């Protein structure tokens, strides 16, 4: 028996080229949804006090700043993301030149006022990502039990081109 070549049989099955486009689209959608969810880097401004902000960097480092009236704080550290939960670990504060590169509030030579004036109650310890915003779950200083609380504050993503408003800085118009 000789094998005959049946051309109709080959045309009945789709050619491999027709699988390429749907496969590329499927791969793109999987990458977009899988990798885009944990990408929370950027600047987030506190909604009730715009002078408070968190800057999350791609290398998992962050900078936190809060300022309202005579309450203020500046700290840096590392953050970790598990699912939709962010955990902050503080490694430096405003007394570190690496963290406080702007030299904010570095005028008191006795350090007494500065150390007493830092308000660590507003530092986020744990937070969740909710609709492209950061919602704090637990705030305070891990080393000072009296500062720990379960405050809910929203930080929204900073709009491109907008400046972070810092207390004590005013634009004078003529």
Protein backbone atom coordinates (compact mmCIF):
# COMPACT_ATOMS: atom_id res chain seq x y z
CA UNK A 1 0.00 0.00 0.00
CA UNK A 2 1.31 3.33 -0.89
CA UNK A 3 0.56 6.40 1.19
CA UNK A 4 -1.22 9.08 -0.67
CA UNK A 5 -0.87 12.72 0.16
CA UNK A 6 -4.24 14.27 0.98
CA UNK A 7 -4.14 18.06 0.60
CA UNK A 8 -7.72 18.49 1.85
CA UNK A 9 -6.73 16.99 5.19
CA UNK A 10 -4.01 19.64 5.68
CA UNK A 11 -6.32 22.54 4.91
CA UNK A 12 -8.90 21.31 7.41
CA UNK A 13 -6.52 21.98 10.32
CA UNK A 14 -5.37 25.50 11.10
CA UNK A 15 -1.86 26.41 10.23
CA UNK A 16 0.53 27.17 13.12
CA UNK A 17 0.78 30.83 12.04
CA UNK A 18 -2.83 31.49 13.01
CA UNK A 19 -2.01 30.57 16.62
CA UNK A 20 0.69 33.22 16.92
CA UNK A 21 -1.52 36.30 17.31
CA UNK A 22 -3.88 34.89 19.97
CA UNK A 23 -0.89 33.45 21.83
CA UNK A 24 0.88 36.83 21.84
CA UNK A 25 -2.26 38.63 23.02
CA UNK A 26 -2.81 36.05 25.77
CA UNK A 27 0.83 36.31 26.91
CA UNK A 28 0.64 40.11 26.93
CA UNK A 29 -2.56 40.10 29.03
CA UNK A 30 -1.09 37.62 31.53
CA UNK A 31 2.04 39.76 31.92
CA UNK A 32 0.01 42.94 32.25
CA UNK A 33 -2.22 41.61 35.01
CA UNK A 34 0.41 39.55 36.85
CA UNK A 35 3.22 42.08 36.94
CA UNK A 36 1.21 45.30 37.05
CA UNK A 37 -0.48 44.60 40.38
CA UNK A 38 2.62 44.83 42.56
CA UNK A 39 3.94 47.95 40.86
CA UNK A 40 3.19 50.55 43.49
CA UNK A 41 6.27 52.71 43.12
CA UNK A 42 5.78 56.45 43.06
CA UNK A 43 4.78 59.36 45.25
CA UNK A 44 1.66 59.15 47.38
CA UNK A 45 0.21 62.22 49.14
CA UNK A 46 -1.91 61.97 52.27
CA UNK A 47 -5.44 63.07 51.42
CA UNK A 48 -6.25 64.94 54.65
CA UNK A 49 -2.81 66.60 55.07
CA UNK A 50 -1.16 67.15 51.66
CA UNK A 51 2.18 67.94 53.34
CA UNK A 52 2.37 64.29 54.37
CA UNK A 53 3.66 61.90 51.75
CA UNK A 54 5.29 58.54 51.08
CA UNK A 55 7.72 57.98 48.22
CA UNK A 56 8.05 54.31 47.27
CA UNK A 57 11.09 53.46 45.13
CA UNK A 58 11.59 50.50 42.82
CA UNK A 59 14.46 49.20 44.98
CA UNK A 60 11.93 48.73 47.86
CA UNK A 61 13.21 51.78 49.76
CA UNK A 62 10.86 54.53 50.87
CA UNK A 63 10.77 58.00 52.36
CA UNK A 64 8.00 59.15 54.68
CA UNK A 65 7.30 62.74 55.64
CA UNK A 66 4.55 64.25 57.73
CA UNK A 67 4.06 67.85 58.74
CA UNK A 68 1.17 69.64 60.35
CA UNK A 69 1.39 72.60 62.68
CA UNK A 70 4.12 71.71 65.20
CA UNK A 71 3.91 67.97 64.47
CA UNK A 72 6.39 66.67 61.94
CA UNK A 73 8.40 63.61 61.04
CA UNK A 74 10.80 62.46 58.35
CA UNK A 75 11.97 58.86 58.07
CA UNK A 76 13.32 56.35 55.55
CA UNK A 77 13.50 52.59 55.31
CA UNK A 78 12.53 49.50 53.33
CA UNK A 79 9.08 48.22 52.45
CA UNK A 80 7.80 44.76 51.58
CA UNK A 81 4.69 43.88 49.58
CA UNK A 82 2.75 40.66 50.16
CA UNK A 83 -0.46 40.51 48.18
CA UNK A 84 -2.15 43.87 48.78
CA UNK A 85 -0.39 44.50 52.13
CA UNK A 86 2.65 46.75 52.53
CA UNK A 87 4.91 46.46 55.58
CA UNK A 88 7.26 49.35 56.39
CA UNK A 89 10.58 48.92 58.25
CA UNK A 90 12.28 52.14 59.34
CA UNK A 91 16.08 52.32 59.18
CA UNK A 92 16.79 56.07 59.42
CA UNK A 93 15.14 59.31 60.41
CA UNK A 94 15.72 63.01 59.94
CA UNK A 95 19.00 62.88 61.89
CA UNK A 96 20.54 60.73 59.12
CA UNK A 97 22.10 62.76 56.31
CA UNK A 98 21.25 59.98 53.83
CA UNK A 99 17.57 60.20 54.72
CA UNK A 100 17.38 63.95 55.28
CA UNK A 101 19.35 65.12 52.26
CA UNK A 102 17.38 68.40 52.22
CA UNK A 103 18.55 69.29 55.75
CA UNK A 104 15.00 69.84 57.00
CA UNK A 105 14.83 71.22 60.57
CA UNK A 106 18.56 70.87 61.16
CA UNK A 107 18.93 74.22 62.94
CA UNK A 108 18.81 73.18 66.60
CA UNK A 109 22.38 72.58 67.75
CA UNK A 110 21.34 71.19 71.14
CA UNK A 111 19.18 68.48 69.51
CA UNK A 112 16.78 68.80 72.44
CA UNK A 113 13.93 70.45 70.54
CA UNK A 114 14.42 68.28 67.48
CA UNK A 115 14.27 65.00 69.36
CA UNK A 116 11.24 66.13 71.36
CA UNK A 117 9.48 67.58 68.32
CA UNK A 118 9.55 64.49 66.12
CA UNK A 119 6.07 62.98 66.10
CA UNK A 120 6.32 59.30 65.18
CA UNK A 121 2.59 58.60 65.67
CA UNK A 122 1.81 59.04 61.98
CA UNK A 123 4.41 56.62 60.54
CA UNK A 124 2.71 53.83 58.62
CA UNK A 125 3.68 50.36 59.83
CA UNK A 126 1.25 48.31 57.75
CA UNK A 127 -0.96 49.45 54.91
CA UNK A 128 -3.08 48.06 52.09
CA UNK A 129 -3.32 49.00 48.43
CA UNK A 130 -6.94 49.91 47.72
CA UNK A 131 -7.91 51.14 44.24
CA UNK A 132 -4.49 52.66 43.49
CA UNK A 133 -4.39 54.34 46.92
CA UNK A 134 -2.53 53.37 50.07
CA UNK A 135 -4.67 52.91 53.19
CA UNK A 136 -2.78 52.73 56.49
CA UNK A 137 -3.85 49.99 58.89
CA UNK A 138 -1.36 50.44 61.73
CA UNK A 139 0.65 53.57 62.51
CA UNK A 140 3.19 54.67 65.10
CA UNK A 141 6.67 53.72 66.22
CA UNK A 142 7.37 50.03 66.83
CA UNK A 143 9.80 50.97 69.63
CA UNK A 144 7.29 53.18 71.48
CA UNK A 145 4.16 51.23 72.39
CA UNK A 146 2.23 54.36 73.40
CA UNK A 147 2.39 55.66 69.82
CA UNK A 148 0.90 52.56 68.18
CA UNK A 149 -2.65 52.85 66.90
CA UNK A 150 -4.90 51.59 64.15
CA UNK A 151 -5.44 54.80 62.20
CA UNK A 152 -6.85 54.74 58.70
CA UNK A 153 -5.33 57.37 56.44
CA UNK A 154 -5.45 57.43 52.65
CA UNK A 155 -2.49 58.35 50.48
CA UNK A 156 -3.36 59.00 46.85
CA UNK A 157 -0.94 58.83 43.95
CA UNK A 158 0.60 62.20 43.17
CA UNK A 159 -0.50 63.61 39.82
CA UNK A 160 2.27 64.04 37.28
CA UNK A 161 3.63 67.55 37.25
CA UNK A 162 2.17 68.45 40.67
CA UNK A 163 4.46 69.63 43.43
CA UNK A 164 4.31 68.29 46.97
CA UNK A 165 3.13 71.07 49.25
CA UNK A 166 5.48 71.64 52.18
CA UNK A 167 4.33 73.73 55.17
CA UNK A 168 6.11 77.03 55.59
CA UNK A 169 6.68 77.49 51.86
CA UNK A 170 4.54 80.10 50.21
CA UNK A 171 4.29 81.39 46.67
CA UNK A 172 4.01 85.15 46.69
CA UNK A 173 2.04 86.65 43.81
CA UNK A 174 2.32 90.30 42.84
